[in-house]
Amino acid sequence: MIKKDLSSSFLKGSESLQQGFPLSESSFLALTPRGSTLQGSDMDLLIVHKGKPRDDAHAMVKKVLNIPRLEPHVYTEEEYRRMEGTLTKMTKDGITLFPLN
């Protein structure tokens, strides 16, 4: 149920996000998908986008998606490649919404 609800919320806002920066990969991190979310805990979301880093990316994602307790982690493709080992471990049990091309 969590996967369906979060995916639906994300997909509704993804068109607006695409206008701000083209998405490469978006994946909910492991905490939520494993069912270990505690009341009041945040929901981590990895977003990898094409282009240059944006200072307003974090705030833009929170505003556009409007998902309570969402904690976006926003990286460019280049930043993702530099941190790929760490981010792969963090997302191994996550829910992939858009695959990295």
Protein backbone atom coordinates (compact mmCIF):
# COMPACT_ATOMS: atom_id res chain seq x y z
CA MET A 1 0.00 0.00 0.00
CA ILE A 2 2.83 2.40 0.86
CA LYS A 3 4.48 1.83 -2.54
CA LYS A 4 1.25 2.55 -4.40
CA ASP A 5 0.44 5.70 -2.40
CA LEU A 6 3.94 7.16 -2.61
CA SER A 7 4.38 6.28 -6.27
CA SER A 8 1.03 7.88 -7.08
CA SER A 9 1.93 11.07 -5.20
CA PHE A 10 5.30 11.22 -6.89
CA LEU A 11 3.93 10.62 -10.38
CA LYS A 12 1.36 13.40 -9.92
CA GLY A 13 4.15 15.89 -9.21
CA SER A 14 6.76 14.51 -11.60
CA GLU A 15 5.54 16.56 -14.58
CA SER A 16 6.12 19.77 -12.63
CA LEU A 17 9.53 18.51 -11.54
CA GLN A 18 10.44 17.70 -15.15
CA GLN A 19 9.86 21.35 -16.02
CA GLY A 20 12.41 22.38 -13.37
CA PHE A 21 14.97 19.75 -14.18
CA PRO A 22 14.81 16.59 -16.30
CA LEU A 23 14.75 13.52 -14.06
CA SER A 24 17.15 10.65 -14.62
CA GLU A 25 16.38 8.44 -11.65
CA SER A 26 14.08 8.66 -8.67
CA SER A 27 14.01 6.01 -5.99
CA PHE A 28 12.53 5.90 -2.52
CA LEU A 29 15.28 4.89 -0.15
CA ALA A 30 15.17 1.74 1.95
CA LEU A 31 13.50 3.01 5.15
CA THR A 32 9.95 3.33 3.84
CA PRO A 33 9.75 0.31 1.50
CA ARG A 34 10.82 -2.16 4.19
CA GLY A 35 7.77 -1.18 6.20
CA SER A 36 9.89 0.16 9.04
CA THR A 37 8.46 3.67 8.98
CA LEU A 38 7.65 4.90 12.44
CA GLN A 39 5.08 7.58 13.10
CA GLY A 40 6.80 10.92 12.64
CA SER A 41 9.78 9.54 10.72
CA ASP A 42 10.74 11.05 7.39
CA MET A 43 10.55 9.43 3.96
CA ASP A 44 13.75 9.61 1.95
CA LEU A 45 13.60 10.14 -1.80
CA LEU A 46 16.59 10.00 -4.12
CA ILE A 47 16.28 12.14 -7.23
CA VAL A 48 18.96 12.16 -9.91
CA HIS A 49 18.55 14.80 -12.58
CA LYS A 50 20.24 15.92 -15.75
CA GLY A 51 22.01 19.26 -15.90
CA LYS A 52 23.74 21.47 -13.38
CA PRO A 53 23.29 21.54 -9.60
CA ARG A 54 20.51 23.83 -8.37
CA ASP A 55 20.54 25.58 -5.03
CA ASP A 56 16.76 25.46 -4.90
CA ALA A 57 16.35 21.78 -5.84
CA HIS A 58 15.59 20.50 -2.32
CA ALA A 59 12.97 23.18 -1.65
CA MET A 60 11.45 22.79 -5.11
CA VAL A 61 10.96 19.03 -4.69
CA LYS A 62 9.36 19.46 -1.26
CA LYS A 63 7.00 22.14 -2.56
CA VAL A 64 6.01 20.39 -5.80
CA LEU A 65 5.46 16.92 -4.35
CA ASN A 66 3.90 18.14 -1.10
CA ILE A 67 4.36 14.78 0.64
CA PRO A 68 4.44 15.09 4.46
CA ARG A 69 7.82 14.27 6.03
CA LEU A 70 9.48 13.90 2.61
CA GLU A 71 13.26 14.26 2.73
CA PRO A 72 14.55 14.63 -0.84
CA HIS A 73 18.18 13.88 -1.69
CA VAL A 74 18.76 15.59 -5.02
CA TYR A 75 21.85 14.96 -7.16
CA THR A 76 22.95 15.65 -10.70
CA GLU A 77 23.99 12.67 -12.82
CA GLU A 78 27.65 13.65 -12.29
CA GLU A 79 27.21 13.86 -8.52
CA TYR A 80 25.43 10.50 -8.58
CA ARG A 81 28.33 8.86 -10.46
CA ARG A 82 30.82 10.17 -7.88
CA MET A 83 28.73 8.76 -5.01
CA GLU A 84 27.30 5.74 -6.79
CA GLY A 85 28.72 3.15 -4.39
CA THR A 86 27.21 4.81 -1.34
CA LEU A 87 23.90 5.63 -3.02
CA THR A 88 23.57 2.10 -4.41
CA LYS A 89 23.85 0.69 -0.88
CA MET A 90 21.31 3.20 0.42
CA THR A 91 18.77 2.35 -2.28
CA LYS A 92 19.25 -1.42 -2.67
CA ASP A 93 15.91 -2.17 -0.96
CA GLY A 94 14.20 0.96 -2.27
CA ILE A 95 11.37 1.37 -4.72
CA THR A 96 12.60 2.58 -8.11
CA LEU A 97 10.13 4.94 -9.74
CA PHE A 98 12.20 5.87 -12.81
CA PRO A 99 15.23 3.78 -13.86
CA LEU A 100 18.54 5.47 -14.59
CA ASN A 101 19.03 5.48 -18.35
